[in-house]
Amino acid sequence: MCAALAVMVVNKWALNVFPFPGSLMCLQFLSSAGVVRLLALCGQLECEPLAWAKARSFMLVPFFFGIAIFTNIKLLQAASVETAIVFRTIVPIFTSAADWIWMGRALPELRSACGLAIVVGGSLVYAATSNDGIIVHTWLWAWSYVLVLSFEMVYVRCPHPDSDLLRRAQHFTAPHIAAPLIAAPHTTSPHTTSPHTTSPHTTAPLSL
């Protein structure tokens, strides 16, 4: 969560300097893939060749997360960073409800529910008392971001023949979500012997 909020601040600054959301997102994806390839060439990582059979198993994850990142950037254009943070903190509430409805999981316990309420309430107070306050010029991107990101987070945990691959695909989150598609379906350390086993040396540039 902290990384997600930090990247929002960085993206808001980047939009002030380079106000082209689509191009900014593509540059982030390409730079991430480039870092992975560079580390592989330096022998720091082992990048497997892109295999369609593996990429096909989790292609919906980067697809929907890419949409979530785009809607997030558009939200940052249409609202203050404080407002975007409020909507990001709402996502766990949606995912908890979706887990209960569609995946048969238990609702958060009282302590967890109180924690979620405190996080959301704290973000609302922080946003409302900030210099800009809670500002949303269009609600389309705000709720699109919440719904798409919530769907992606639930989908990646659904039972699937390649569930382990799907879960690991979620770690390649923006701004490097395109790295698995451009560089490799997954990236492991040279000391990793199994393609489905990660190690502490597994490298990802940033996380959102």
N, C-alpha and C. Protein backbone atom coordinates (compact mmCIF):
# COMPACT_ATOMS: atom_id res chain seq x y z
N MET A 1 0.83 -1.20 0.00
CA MET A 1 0.00 0.00 0.00
C MET A 1 0.87 1.26 0.00
N CYS A 2 1.92 1.26 0.85
CA CYS A 2 2.80 2.44 0.92
C CYS A 2 3.47 2.69 -0.43
N ALA A 3 3.91 1.59 -1.09
CA ALA A 3 4.54 1.75 -2.40
C ALA A 3 3.55 2.31 -3.41
N ALA A 4 2.30 1.84 -3.34
CA ALA A 4 1.27 2.33 -4.26
C ALA A 4 1.05 3.83 -4.08
N LEU A 5 0.98 4.28 -2.83
CA LEU A 5 0.75 5.69 -2.57
C LEU A 5 1.95 6.54 -2.98
N ALA A 6 3.15 5.99 -2.77
CA ALA A 6 4.36 6.73 -3.16
C ALA A 6 4.43 6.89 -4.67
N VAL A 7 4.06 5.84 -5.41
CA VAL A 7 4.09 5.92 -6.87
C VAL A 7 3.04 6.89 -7.38
N MET A 8 1.91 7.01 -6.68
CA MET A 8 0.90 8.01 -7.07
C MET A 8 1.49 9.41 -7.03
N VAL A 9 2.25 9.70 -5.98
CA VAL A 9 2.87 11.02 -5.85
C VAL A 9 3.86 11.25 -7.00
N VAL A 10 4.66 10.23 -7.30
CA VAL A 10 5.63 10.35 -8.38
C VAL A 10 4.93 10.54 -9.72
N ASN A 11 3.85 9.78 -9.95
CA ASN A 11 3.12 9.91 -11.21
C ASN A 11 2.45 11.27 -11.35
N LYS A 12 1.96 11.81 -10.23
CA LYS A 12 1.35 13.14 -10.28
C LYS A 12 2.39 14.18 -10.69
N TRP A 13 3.58 14.07 -10.12
CA TRP A 13 4.66 14.98 -10.50
C TRP A 13 5.03 14.78 -11.97
N ALA A 14 5.11 13.51 -12.42
CA ALA A 14 5.46 13.22 -13.80
C ALA A 14 4.42 13.80 -14.77
N LEU A 15 3.14 13.76 -14.36
CA LEU A 15 2.09 14.30 -15.22
C LEU A 15 2.20 15.82 -15.34
N ASN A 16 2.66 16.47 -14.31
CA ASN A 16 2.86 17.92 -14.38
C ASN A 16 3.96 18.28 -15.36
N VAL A 17 4.96 17.41 -15.47
CA VAL A 17 6.08 17.64 -16.37
C VAL A 17 5.77 17.12 -17.77
N PHE A 18 5.09 15.99 -17.85
CA PHE A 18 4.82 15.32 -19.13
C PHE A 18 3.35 14.89 -19.14
N PRO A 19 2.43 15.80 -19.52
CA PRO A 19 0.99 15.55 -19.39
C PRO A 19 0.38 14.67 -20.49
N PHE A 20 0.97 13.51 -20.71
CA PHE A 20 0.46 12.58 -21.72
C PHE A 20 0.35 11.20 -21.09
N PRO A 21 -0.82 10.86 -20.53
CA PRO A 21 -0.98 9.63 -19.75
C PRO A 21 -0.57 8.36 -20.48
N GLY A 22 -1.07 8.18 -21.72
CA GLY A 22 -0.75 6.97 -22.46
C GLY A 22 0.73 6.82 -22.73
N SER A 23 1.36 7.89 -23.17
CA SER A 23 2.80 7.86 -23.45
C SER A 23 3.60 7.64 -22.18
N LEU A 24 3.17 8.27 -21.09
CA LEU A 24 3.88 8.10 -19.82
C LEU A 24 3.82 6.65 -19.37
N MET A 25 2.67 6.03 -19.48
CA MET A 25 2.52 4.64 -19.09
C MET A 25 3.41 3.73 -19.94
N CYS A 26 3.42 3.96 -21.25
CA CYS A 26 4.26 3.14 -22.15
C CYS A 26 5.74 3.31 -21.83
N LEU A 27 6.16 4.54 -21.53
CA LEU A 27 7.56 4.76 -21.17
C LEU A 27 7.93 4.01 -19.89
N GLN A 28 7.02 3.98 -18.95
CA GLN A 28 7.27 3.25 -17.71
C GLN A 28 7.40 1.75 -17.99
N PHE A 29 6.51 1.23 -18.82
CA PHE A 29 6.55 -0.19 -19.16
C PHE A 29 7.86 -0.55 -19.86
N LEU A 30 8.22 0.27 -20.86
CA LEU A 30 9.42 -0.02 -21.65
C LEU A 30 10.68 0.10 -20.80
N SER A 31 10.74 1.10 -19.93
CA SER A 31 11.92 1.25 -19.08
C SER A 31 12.04 0.08 -18.11
N SER A 32 10.91 -0.42 -17.63
CA SER A 32 10.93 -1.57 -16.74
C SER A 32 11.45 -2.81 -17.45
N ALA A 33 10.92 -3.05 -18.64
CA ALA A 33 11.39 -4.20 -19.42
C ALA A 33 12.87 -4.05 -19.75
N GLY A 34 13.28 -2.81 -20.02
CA GLY A 34 14.69 -2.58 -20.34
C GLY A 34 15.60 -2.89 -19.16
N VAL A 35 15.15 -2.52 -17.94
CA VAL A 35 15.94 -2.81 -16.74
C VAL A 35 16.09 -4.32 -16.55
N VAL A 36 14.99 -5.05 -16.75
CA VAL A 36 15.03 -6.50 -16.60
C VAL A 36 16.00 -7.11 -17.60
N ARG A 37 15.92 -6.67 -18.86
CA ARG A 37 16.82 -7.19 -19.89
C ARG A 37 18.27 -6.84 -19.60
N LEU A 38 18.50 -5.62 -19.13
CA LEU A 38 19.86 -5.19 -18.83
C LEU A 38 20.46 -6.03 -17.71
N LEU A 39 19.68 -6.27 -16.66
CA LEU A 39 20.15 -7.10 -15.56
C LEU A 39 20.42 -8.53 -16.02
N ALA A 40 19.61 -8.99 -16.96
CA ALA A 40 19.82 -10.34 -17.50
C ALA A 40 21.13 -10.40 -18.29
N LEU A 41 21.39 -9.36 -19.08
CA LEU A 41 22.63 -9.32 -19.86
C LEU A 41 23.86 -9.23 -18.97
N CYS A 42 23.68 -8.60 -17.80
CA CYS A 42 24.79 -8.48 -16.85
C CYS A 42 24.96 -9.73 -15.99
N GLY A 43 24.09 -10.70 -16.21
CA GLY A 43 24.18 -11.94 -15.47
C GLY A 43 23.59 -11.91 -14.08
N GLN A 44 22.83 -10.85 -13.76
CA GLN A 44 22.22 -10.73 -12.44
C GLN A 44 20.90 -11.47 -12.36
N LEU A 45 20.26 -11.68 -13.50
CA LEU A 45 18.98 -12.37 -13.56
C LEU A 45 18.98 -13.36 -14.71
N GLU A 46 18.10 -14.33 -14.60
CA GLU A 46 17.89 -15.27 -15.70
C GLU A 46 16.50 -15.02 -16.28
N CYS A 47 16.45 -14.61 -17.53
CA CYS A 47 15.17 -14.34 -18.20
C CYS A 47 14.88 -15.47 -19.18
N GLU A 48 13.82 -16.16 -18.95
CA GLU A 48 13.42 -17.22 -19.87
C GLU A 48 12.84 -16.60 -21.14
N PRO A 49 12.99 -17.26 -22.27
CA PRO A 49 12.38 -16.75 -23.51
C PRO A 49 10.86 -16.69 -23.36
N LEU A 50 10.28 -15.73 -24.06
CA LEU A 50 8.82 -15.59 -24.01
C LEU A 50 8.17 -16.82 -24.62
N ALA A 51 7.36 -17.51 -23.83
CA ALA A 51 6.65 -18.71 -24.30
C ALA A 51 5.16 -18.41 -24.30
N TRP A 52 4.53 -18.52 -25.45
CA TRP A 52 3.11 -18.17 -25.57
C TRP A 52 2.25 -19.03 -24.65
N ALA A 53 2.60 -20.30 -24.48
CA ALA A 53 1.81 -21.19 -23.63
C ALA A 53 1.76 -20.67 -22.20
N LYS A 54 2.86 -20.11 -21.72
CA LYS A 54 2.90 -19.57 -20.36
C LYS A 54 2.26 -18.18 -20.31
N ALA A 55 2.59 -17.34 -21.28
CA ALA A 55 2.04 -15.98 -21.28
C ALA A 55 0.52 -16.00 -21.39
N ARG A 56 -0.01 -16.96 -22.16
CA ARG A 56 -1.46 -17.05 -22.35
C ARG A 56 -2.17 -17.34 -21.05
N SER A 57 -1.50 -18.05 -20.12
CA SER A 57 -2.12 -18.45 -18.87
C SER A 57 -2.45 -17.25 -17.97
N PHE A 58 -1.71 -16.17 -18.09
CA PHE A 58 -1.96 -15.04 -17.19
C PHE A 58 -2.05 -13.72 -17.93
N MET A 59 -2.36 -13.77 -19.23
CA MET A 59 -2.38 -12.54 -20.01
C MET A 59 -3.47 -11.56 -19.54
N LEU A 60 -4.56 -12.08 -18.95
CA LEU A 60 -5.61 -11.17 -18.49
C LEU A 60 -5.15 -10.34 -17.28
N VAL A 61 -4.19 -10.87 -16.53
CA VAL A 61 -3.70 -10.12 -15.36
C VAL A 61 -3.02 -8.83 -15.78
N PRO A 62 -1.98 -8.88 -16.65
CA PRO A 62 -1.38 -7.61 -17.08
C PRO A 62 -2.33 -6.75 -17.90
N PHE A 63 -3.27 -7.40 -18.60
CA PHE A 63 -4.23 -6.63 -19.41
C PHE A 63 -5.09 -5.74 -18.50
N PHE A 64 -5.70 -6.35 -17.49
CA PHE A 64 -6.58 -5.58 -16.60
C PHE A 64 -5.78 -4.65 -15.69
N PHE A 65 -4.56 -5.08 -15.31
CA PHE A 65 -3.77 -4.19 -14.48
C PHE A 65 -3.28 -3.01 -15.29
N GLY A 66 -3.01 -3.24 -16.57
CA GLY A 66 -2.65 -2.12 -17.43
C GLY A 66 -3.78 -1.10 -17.52
N ILE A 67 -5.02 -1.61 -17.61
CA ILE A 67 -6.18 -0.71 -17.61
C ILE A 67 -6.27 0.03 -16.28
N ALA A 68 -6.00 -0.69 -15.18
CA ALA A 68 -6.06 -0.06 -13.87
C ALA A 68 -5.03 1.06 -13.75
N ILE A 69 -3.84 0.82 -14.30
CA ILE A 69 -2.80 1.84 -14.23
C ILE A 69 -3.19 3.06 -15.06
N PHE A 70 -3.76 2.81 -16.23
CA PHE A 70 -4.17 3.93 -17.08
C PHE A 70 -5.27 4.76 -16.39
N THR A 71 -6.26 4.06 -15.81
CA THR A 71 -7.33 4.79 -15.12
C THR A 71 -6.78 5.54 -13.90
N ASN A 72 -5.76 4.96 -13.25
CA ASN A 72 -5.14 5.64 -12.12
C ASN A 72 -4.46 6.94 -12.57
N ILE A 73 -3.76 6.87 -13.69
CA ILE A 73 -3.08 8.07 -14.20
C ILE A 73 -4.11 9.12 -14.62
N LYS A 74 -5.20 8.68 -15.25
CA LYS A 74 -6.26 9.61 -15.62
C LYS A 74 -6.92 10.22 -14.38
N LEU A 75 -7.07 9.40 -13.33
CA LEU A 75 -7.62 9.91 -12.08
C LEU A 75 -6.70 10.98 -11.49
N LEU A 76 -5.39 10.75 -11.56
CA LEU A 76 -4.45 11.74 -11.04
C LEU A 76 -4.51 13.04 -11.83
N GLN A 77 -4.88 12.94 -13.12
CA GLN A 77 -5.07 14.15 -13.92
C GLN A 77 -6.33 14.90 -13.50
N ALA A 78 -7.35 14.14 -13.12
CA ALA A 78 -8.66 14.74 -12.84
C ALA A 78 -8.87 15.05 -11.37
N ALA A 79 -7.95 14.65 -10.52
CA ALA A 79 -8.14 14.86 -9.08
C ALA A 79 -6.80 15.11 -8.41
N SER A 80 -6.87 15.51 -7.15
CA SER A 80 -5.66 15.71 -6.38
C SER A 80 -5.09 14.36 -5.96
N VAL A 81 -3.83 14.34 -5.57
CA VAL A 81 -3.20 13.10 -5.10
C VAL A 81 -3.94 12.59 -3.86
N GLU A 82 -4.34 13.50 -2.99
CA GLU A 82 -5.04 13.10 -1.77
C GLU A 82 -6.35 12.37 -2.10
N THR A 83 -7.05 12.85 -3.11
CA THR A 83 -8.30 12.21 -3.52
C THR A 83 -8.02 10.83 -4.10
N ALA A 84 -6.97 10.71 -4.91
CA ALA A 84 -6.61 9.41 -5.49
C ALA A 84 -6.25 8.42 -4.39
N ILE A 85 -5.59 8.89 -3.33
CA ILE A 85 -5.24 8.02 -2.22
C ILE A 85 -6.50 7.48 -1.54
N VAL A 86 -7.52 8.32 -1.41
CA VAL A 86 -8.78 7.87 -0.81
C VAL A 86 -9.37 6.71 -1.60
N PHE A 87 -9.42 6.85 -2.92
CA PHE A 87 -9.99 5.79 -3.74
C PHE A 87 -9.14 4.52 -3.69
N ARG A 88 -7.82 4.67 -3.56
CA ARG A 88 -6.96 3.48 -3.48
C ARG A 88 -7.22 2.73 -2.19
N THR A 89 -7.47 3.43 -1.10
CA THR A 89 -7.72 2.76 0.17
C THR A 89 -9.08 2.06 0.20
N ILE A 90 -9.98 2.43 -0.72
CA ILE A 90 -11.29 1.78 -0.78
C ILE A 90 -11.20 0.39 -1.41
N VAL A 91 -10.20 0.16 -2.24
CA VAL A 91 -10.08 -1.10 -2.99
C VAL A 91 -10.15 -2.34 -2.09
N PRO A 92 -9.44 -2.41 -0.94
CA PRO A 92 -9.53 -3.62 -0.11
C PRO A 92 -10.94 -3.95 0.36
N ILE A 93 -11.79 -2.93 0.51
CA ILE A 93 -13.17 -3.19 0.91
C ILE A 93 -13.90 -3.91 -0.21
N PHE A 94 -13.69 -3.48 -1.45
CA PHE A 94 -14.32 -4.14 -2.60
C PHE A 94 -13.80 -5.56 -2.76
N THR A 95 -12.49 -5.76 -2.61
CA THR A 95 -11.93 -7.10 -2.79
C THR A 95 -12.40 -8.05 -1.69
N SER A 96 -12.54 -7.55 -0.47
CA SER A 96 -13.04 -8.39 0.63
C SER A 96 -14.47 -8.84 0.36
N ALA A 97 -15.30 -7.92 -0.12
CA ALA A 97 -16.69 -8.27 -0.45
C ALA A 97 -16.75 -9.25 -1.61
N ALA A 98 -15.92 -9.03 -2.63
CA ALA A 98 -15.90 -9.93 -3.79
C ALA A 98 -15.42 -11.33 -3.40
N ASP A 99 -14.42 -11.41 -2.52
CA ASP A 99 -13.94 -12.71 -2.04
C ASP A 99 -15.06 -13.47 -1.34
N TRP A 100 -15.85 -12.75 -0.56
CA TRP A 100 -16.95 -13.38 0.17
C TRP A 100 -18.07 -13.83 -0.77
N ILE A 101 -18.41 -13.00 -1.75
CA ILE A 101 -19.53 -13.30 -2.64
C ILE A 101 -19.19 -14.39 -3.65
N TRP A 102 -18.05 -14.27 -4.31
CA TRP A 102 -17.74 -15.15 -5.44
C TRP A 102 -16.73 -16.26 -5.13
N MET A 103 -15.96 -16.12 -4.06
CA MET A 103 -14.94 -17.13 -3.77
C MET A 103 -15.20 -17.88 -2.48
N GLY A 104 -16.31 -17.57 -1.83
CA GLY A 104 -16.69 -18.31 -0.63
C GLY A 104 -15.79 -18.10 0.56
N ARG A 105 -15.07 -17.00 0.61
CA ARG A 105 -14.18 -16.73 1.73
C ARG A 105 -14.91 -15.95 2.81
N ALA A 106 -14.39 -16.04 4.01
CA ALA A 106 -15.03 -15.36 5.13
C ALA A 106 -14.82 -13.85 5.03
N LEU A 107 -15.79 -13.14 5.56
CA LEU A 107 -15.65 -11.68 5.63
C LEU A 107 -14.54 -11.33 6.64
N PRO A 108 -13.94 -10.16 6.52
CA PRO A 108 -12.91 -9.77 7.48
C PRO A 108 -13.42 -9.81 8.91
N GLU A 109 -12.57 -10.27 9.83
CA GLU A 109 -12.94 -10.27 11.23
C GLU A 109 -13.07 -8.84 11.73
N LEU A 110 -13.59 -8.72 12.93
CA LEU A 110 -13.87 -7.39 13.47
C LEU A 110 -12.62 -6.52 13.50
N ARG A 111 -11.49 -7.11 13.93
CA ARG A 111 -10.26 -6.33 14.00
C ARG A 111 -9.84 -5.86 12.60
N SER A 112 -9.94 -6.78 11.61
CA SER A 112 -9.56 -6.41 10.24
C SER A 112 -10.50 -5.36 9.67
N ALA A 113 -11.80 -5.54 9.94
CA ALA A 113 -12.78 -4.57 9.45
C ALA A 113 -12.53 -3.19 10.06
N CYS A 114 -12.20 -3.16 11.34
CA CYS A 114 -11.89 -1.88 11.99
C CYS A 114 -10.64 -1.26 11.39
N GLY A 115 -9.66 -2.12 11.07
CA GLY A 115 -8.44 -1.62 10.45
C GLY A 115 -8.72 -0.98 9.10
N LEU A 116 -9.56 -1.66 8.28
CA LEU A 116 -9.92 -1.10 6.98
C LEU A 116 -10.66 0.23 7.15
N ALA A 117 -11.56 0.27 8.12
CA ALA A 117 -12.33 1.51 8.35
C ALA A 117 -11.40 2.64 8.79
N ILE A 118 -10.42 2.32 9.62
CA ILE A 118 -9.48 3.35 10.09
C ILE A 118 -8.65 3.89 8.93
N VAL A 119 -8.20 2.97 8.05
CA VAL A 119 -7.39 3.40 6.90
C VAL A 119 -8.20 4.33 5.99
N VAL A 120 -9.43 3.91 5.66
CA VAL A 120 -10.28 4.73 4.79
C VAL A 120 -10.63 6.06 5.47
N GLY A 121 -11.00 5.97 6.75
CA GLY A 121 -11.35 7.20 7.48
C GLY A 121 -10.16 8.14 7.60
N GLY A 122 -8.99 7.57 7.85
CA GLY A 122 -7.80 8.40 7.94
C GLY A 122 -7.46 9.09 6.63
N SER A 123 -7.63 8.36 5.53
CA SER A 123 -7.34 8.96 4.23
C SER A 123 -8.35 10.06 3.90
N LEU A 124 -9.61 9.87 4.32
CA LEU A 124 -10.63 10.90 4.09
C LEU A 124 -10.31 12.17 4.89
N VAL A 125 -9.92 11.99 6.13
CA VAL A 125 -9.57 13.15 6.96
C VAL A 125 -8.36 13.86 6.40
N TYR A 126 -7.35 13.05 5.99
CA TYR A 126 -6.13 13.64 5.42
C TYR A 126 -6.44 14.43 4.16
N ALA A 127 -7.28 13.83 3.27
CA ALA A 127 -7.60 14.51 2.02
C ALA A 127 -8.44 15.77 2.26
N ALA A 128 -9.41 15.65 3.18
CA ALA A 128 -10.31 16.78 3.43
C ALA A 128 -9.58 17.96 4.06
N THR A 129 -8.54 17.70 4.83
CA THR A 129 -7.82 18.77 5.52
C THR A 129 -6.59 19.25 4.76
N SER A 130 -6.32 18.65 3.58
CA SER A 130 -5.17 19.08 2.78
C SER A 130 -5.47 20.41 2.10
N ASN A 131 -4.47 20.99 1.51
CA ASN A 131 -4.63 22.28 0.85
C ASN A 131 -5.64 22.22 -0.29
N ASP A 132 -5.58 21.13 -1.08
CA ASP A 132 -6.49 21.00 -2.23
C ASP A 132 -7.84 20.44 -1.84
N GLY A 133 -7.90 19.70 -0.73
CA GLY A 133 -9.15 19.06 -0.34
C GLY A 133 -9.48 17.90 -1.25
N ILE A 134 -10.69 17.41 -1.15
CA ILE A 134 -11.14 16.30 -2.00
C ILE A 134 -11.71 16.90 -3.28
N ILE A 135 -11.00 16.69 -4.38
CA ILE A 135 -11.40 17.27 -5.66
C ILE A 135 -11.45 16.17 -6.71
N VAL A 136 -12.58 16.04 -7.38
CA VAL A 136 -12.71 15.09 -8.49
C VAL A 136 -13.46 15.80 -9.61
N HIS A 137 -12.77 16.03 -10.72
CA HIS A 137 -13.41 16.71 -11.86
C HIS A 137 -14.27 15.75 -12.67
N THR A 138 -14.00 14.47 -12.59
CA THR A 138 -14.84 13.47 -13.24
C THR A 138 -14.78 12.18 -12.43
N TRP A 139 -15.94 11.62 -12.11
CA TRP A 139 -16.01 10.40 -11.31
C TRP A 139 -15.76 9.15 -12.15
N LEU A 140 -15.77 9.29 -13.47
CA LEU A 140 -15.59 8.13 -14.35
C LEU A 140 -14.28 7.42 -14.07
N TRP A 141 -13.17 8.16 -14.07
CA TRP A 141 -11.86 7.54 -13.88
C TRP A 141 -11.67 7.06 -12.45
N ALA A 142 -12.29 7.74 -11.50
CA ALA A 142 -12.15 7.33 -10.09
C ALA A 142 -12.74 5.95 -9.86
N TRP A 143 -14.00 5.76 -10.26
CA TRP A 143 -14.64 4.47 -10.01
C TRP A 143 -14.18 3.40 -11.00
N SER A 144 -13.76 3.80 -12.18
CA SER A 144 -13.18 2.82 -13.11
C SER A 144 -11.91 2.23 -12.52
N TYR A 145 -11.08 3.08 -11.92
CA TYR A 145 -9.86 2.61 -11.30
C TYR A 145 -10.15 1.64 -10.16
N VAL A 146 -11.09 1.99 -9.29
CA VAL A 146 -11.43 1.14 -8.16
C VAL A 146 -11.96 -0.22 -8.62
N LEU A 147 -12.88 -0.21 -9.57
CA LEU A 147 -13.52 -1.45 -10.00
C LEU A 147 -12.55 -2.35 -10.77
N VAL A 148 -11.77 -1.78 -11.67
CA VAL A 148 -10.84 -2.59 -12.47
C VAL A 148 -9.75 -3.18 -11.58
N LEU A 149 -9.18 -2.38 -10.68
CA LEU A 149 -8.13 -2.89 -9.81
C LEU A 149 -8.69 -3.95 -8.86
N SER A 150 -9.91 -3.75 -8.36
CA SER A 150 -10.53 -4.75 -7.48
C SER A 150 -10.74 -6.06 -8.23
N PHE A 151 -11.22 -5.98 -9.47
CA PHE A 151 -11.43 -7.19 -10.26
C PHE A 151 -10.12 -7.93 -10.48
N GLU A 152 -9.07 -7.20 -10.82
CA GLU A 152 -7.78 -7.84 -11.08
C GLU A 152 -7.26 -8.55 -9.84
N MET A 153 -7.40 -7.92 -8.69
CA MET A 153 -6.89 -8.51 -7.45
C MET A 153 -7.66 -9.77 -7.06
N VAL A 154 -8.95 -9.82 -7.38
CA VAL A 154 -9.75 -11.01 -7.08
C VAL A 154 -9.48 -12.10 -8.12
N TYR A 155 -9.40 -11.72 -9.37
CA TYR A 155 -9.18 -12.68 -10.45
C TYR A 155 -7.88 -13.44 -10.28
N VAL A 156 -6.84 -12.76 -9.82
CA VAL A 156 -5.52 -13.40 -9.72
C VAL A 156 -5.51 -14.46 -8.64
N ARG A 157 -6.50 -14.45 -7.73
CA ARG A 157 -6.57 -15.44 -6.67
C ARG A 157 -7.58 -16.55 -6.95
N CYS A 158 -8.26 -16.46 -8.11
CA CYS A 158 -9.24 -17.50 -8.46
C CYS A 158 -8.53 -18.81 -8.76
N PRO A 159 -9.17 -19.97 -8.47
CA PRO A 159 -8.58 -21.27 -8.81
C PRO A 159 -8.30 -21.34 -10.31
N HIS A 160 -7.10 -21.76 -10.65
CA HIS A 160 -6.67 -21.77 -12.05
C HIS A 160 -5.57 -22.81 -12.19
N PRO A 161 -5.48 -23.50 -13.35
CA PRO A 161 -4.42 -24.49 -13.54
C PRO A 161 -3.03 -23.92 -13.29
N ASP A 162 -2.86 -22.62 -13.57
CA ASP A 162 -1.56 -21.97 -13.36
C ASP A 162 -1.69 -20.90 -12.28
N SER A 163 -2.34 -21.26 -11.17
CA SER A 163 -2.59 -20.26 -10.13
C SER A 163 -1.30 -19.67 -9.59
N ASP A 164 -0.26 -20.50 -9.44
CA ASP A 164 1.01 -19.98 -8.93
C ASP A 164 1.59 -18.94 -9.88
N LEU A 165 1.48 -19.21 -11.17
CA LEU A 165 1.98 -18.26 -12.17
C LEU A 165 1.16 -16.98 -12.14
N LEU A 166 -0.15 -17.12 -11.94
CA LEU A 166 -1.01 -15.94 -11.86
C LEU A 166 -0.65 -15.08 -10.67
N ARG A 167 -0.42 -15.72 -9.53
CA ARG A 167 -0.09 -14.95 -8.34
C ARG A 167 1.24 -14.23 -8.51
N ARG A 168 2.19 -14.89 -9.13
CA ARG A 168 3.49 -14.25 -9.33
C ARG A 168 3.39 -13.15 -10.38
N ALA A 169 2.45 -13.29 -11.32
CA ALA A 169 2.26 -12.23 -12.32
C ALA A 169 1.81 -10.95 -11.67
N GLN A 170 1.06 -11.08 -10.55
CA GLN A 170 0.55 -9.88 -9.88
C GLN A 170 1.68 -9.03 -9.32
N HIS A 171 2.85 -9.64 -9.03
CA HIS A 171 3.96 -8.88 -8.47
C HIS A 171 4.57 -7.94 -9.52
N PHE A 172 4.31 -8.22 -10.81
CA PHE A 172 4.84 -7.35 -11.85
C PHE A 172 3.87 -6.20 -12.07
N THR A 173 3.63 -5.45 -11.01
CA THR A 173 2.65 -4.39 -11.08
C THR A 173 3.29 -3.11 -11.56
N ALA A 174 2.45 -2.16 -11.92
CA ALA A 174 2.91 -0.94 -12.56
C ALA A 174 3.86 -0.19 -11.66
N PRO A 175 4.86 0.51 -12.24
CA PRO A 175 4.94 0.74 -13.67
C PRO A 175 5.66 -0.32 -14.47
N HIS A 176 5.83 -1.52 -13.92
CA HIS A 176 6.55 -2.54 -14.68
C HIS A 176 5.67 -3.72 -15.04
N ILE A 177 4.33 -3.55 -15.14
CA ILE A 177 3.46 -4.67 -15.43
C ILE A 177 3.70 -5.24 -16.82
N ALA A 178 4.25 -4.44 -17.72
CA ALA A 178 4.50 -4.96 -19.07
C ALA A 178 5.79 -5.76 -19.16
N ALA A 179 6.59 -5.72 -18.14
CA ALA A 179 7.86 -6.45 -18.19
C ALA A 179 7.69 -7.93 -18.47
N PRO A 180 6.70 -8.63 -17.84
CA PRO A 180 6.55 -10.05 -18.15
C PRO A 180 6.19 -10.30 -19.61
N LEU A 181 5.50 -9.36 -20.24
CA LEU A 181 5.09 -9.56 -21.62
C LEU A 181 6.21 -9.20 -22.60
N ILE A 182 6.99 -8.16 -22.26
CA ILE A 182 8.03 -7.71 -23.17
C ILE A 182 9.34 -8.46 -22.93
N ALA A 183 9.66 -8.67 -21.64
CA ALA A 183 10.95 -9.28 -21.33
C ALA A 183 10.85 -10.79 -21.19
N ALA A 184 9.93 -11.27 -20.36
CA ALA A 184 9.80 -12.70 -20.12
C ALA A 184 8.54 -12.94 -19.33
N PRO A 185 7.98 -14.14 -19.41
CA PRO A 185 6.78 -14.43 -18.63
C PRO A 185 7.03 -14.37 -17.14
N HIS A 186 8.21 -14.71 -16.71
CA HIS A 186 8.60 -14.49 -15.33
C HIS A 186 10.11 -14.46 -15.26
N THR A 187 10.62 -13.81 -14.22
CA THR A 187 12.05 -13.58 -14.09
C THR A 187 12.53 -14.19 -12.79
N THR A 188 13.59 -14.98 -12.86
CA THR A 188 14.09 -15.64 -11.67
C THR A 188 15.57 -15.42 -11.54
N SER A 189 16.10 -15.77 -10.39
CA SER A 189 17.52 -15.64 -10.14
C SER A 189 18.28 -16.75 -10.84
N PRO A 190 19.56 -16.56 -11.16
CA PRO A 190 20.36 -17.62 -11.75
C PRO A 190 20.45 -18.84 -10.84
N HIS A 191 20.18 -18.65 -9.53
CA HIS A 191 20.29 -19.76 -8.60
C HIS A 191 19.00 -20.55 -8.52
N THR A 192 17.95 -20.12 -9.24
CA THR A 192 16.67 -20.80 -9.19
C THR A 192 16.67 -21.93 -10.20
N THR A 193 16.27 -23.09 -9.75
CA THR A 193 16.32 -24.26 -10.63
C THR A 193 14.99 -24.55 -11.27
N SER A 194 13.89 -24.16 -10.61
CA SER A 194 12.57 -24.46 -11.15
C SER A 194 11.96 -23.20 -11.73
N PRO A 195 11.31 -23.28 -12.90
CA PRO A 195 10.69 -22.09 -13.49
C PRO A 195 9.54 -21.57 -12.69
N HIS A 196 9.01 -22.36 -11.75
CA HIS A 196 7.88 -21.92 -10.95
C HIS A 196 8.30 -21.59 -9.53
N THR A 197 9.61 -21.37 -9.30
CA THR A 197 10.10 -21.07 -7.97
C THR A 197 10.79 -19.73 -7.97
N THR A 198 10.37 -18.84 -7.10
CA THR A 198 11.02 -17.54 -7.00
C THR A 198 12.08 -17.60 -5.92
N SER A 199 12.98 -16.65 -5.94
CA SER A 199 14.03 -16.58 -4.93
C SER A 199 14.13 -15.18 -4.41
N PRO A 200 14.87 -15.00 -3.30
CA PRO A 200 15.01 -13.63 -2.77
C PRO A 200 15.72 -12.71 -3.72
N HIS A 201 16.41 -13.28 -4.76
CA HIS A 201 17.14 -12.44 -5.70
C HIS A 201 16.27 -11.98 -6.85
N THR A 202 15.03 -12.46 -6.91
CA THR A 202 14.14 -12.03 -7.98
C THR A 202 14.01 -10.52 -7.94
N THR A 203 14.14 -9.87 -9.08
CA THR A 203 14.21 -8.42 -9.12
C THR A 203 13.03 -7.84 -9.88
N ALA A 204 12.45 -6.79 -9.32
CA ALA A 204 11.43 -6.01 -9.99
C ALA A 204 11.73 -4.56 -9.70
N PRO A 205 11.66 -3.67 -10.70
CA PRO A 205 12.08 -2.29 -10.52
C PRO A 205 11.26 -1.51 -9.50
N LEU A 206 9.94 -1.54 -9.59
CA LEU A 206 9.09 -0.78 -8.69
C LEU A 206 7.85 -1.57 -8.43
N SER A 207 7.04 -1.10 -7.54
CA SER A 207 5.78 -1.80 -7.25
C SER A 207 4.71 -0.79 -6.96
N LEU A 208 3.49 -1.12 -7.46
CA LEU A 208 2.36 -0.26 -7.18
C LEU A 208 1.22 -1.13 -6.66
